[in-house]
Amino acid sequence: MTNPADELKAAARTLRETATAAQAASPGTWAITSERVIRCDNGDGVIVADRSCADVGEDADLPYIALMGPGVGHALADLLDDQADGDDEGVINPWALAVARAINGDAR
């Protein structure tokens, strides 16, 4: 069985790898346009997510997707790595572990 520190490190690694891939594919800040798509502001306007053909209300995930861009993924990965060592007493934050388990697909 994996220990909590390993779970945190595995989640950080997964998150960092996927955030890096997303950033390479769609570099820049992600923003929602009036056409109900998310574009990155890299000058090319690469589409990250498109709900332009969806019925109104089926685009409710756009603010979340834009919010959780690669920068947030990298910051969260750093936080999970930091939490793997625990606090000053070596205690691992249970909320950090819950995030790691959700990323790892093991929401106990």
Foldseek 3Di string as FASTA:
>chain_A
DDDLLVLLLVLLVVLLVVLVVQCVVAPAQWDADPLLFIFHPPVVRDTPGHCNVPDPVVSVCVVVDRVCHSVVSNVLSVVSNVQSQPDPVSHRDVVSSCVSCVSVVHND
